[in-house]
Amino acid sequence: MKTQKCEYCEKYYQAGKNAVVGVCNNCDDVLKDNQEDKLKAIFDKQMSLQTRLGYTQSELLQNQEFININILAMLDELSEALRETQWKNPKVIKYGWKKTQEFNAPKFKDELIDMLHFFVNLCISAGLTHEMLYIRYMSKNRENFKRQDRGY
């Protein structure tokens, strides 16, 4: 076991072999409690919306038309989010051409939330629950840290 500094509370802790990289046990427990509840609420609310629109959960599982629509909608929201940034501004991007373009943080955040709606729809269609999403994300995040440690 080695000593690490927690990226949230900045206290030093002994990292066990199954520990989340960069997070002490106390912060890991808080994150799990808070994120799982909040993430579950997001999934539950999104499924409630789909139910209101006339879908059952079983109708959404591996429904190719639903998947296509949500991927296209998510791509559109991604484009809308990009439009709220300075991606054309020559003060920010070397070959930019629109000098008056400014970053619009409130609208950018709104577009990210729109994307989240479609992303959660895709998770529902894939049969990916909030718990599975959390676990798979944390596993991938650990792997990404390990890759960086190996110079990836």
Foldseek 3Di string as FASTA:
>chain_A
DDWDQAPPPRDIDDDDPPDQPRHDPVVVVVCCVVVLVVLQVLLVVLQVVVVVVPDHLVCLALPVVLLVVLVVQLVVLVVQLVQQDCPQDCVVPVNHDDPPRHHDVVSNVVSVVSNVSSVSSNCSRNVNHSVNVVVVVSVVSSVVVVVVVVVD
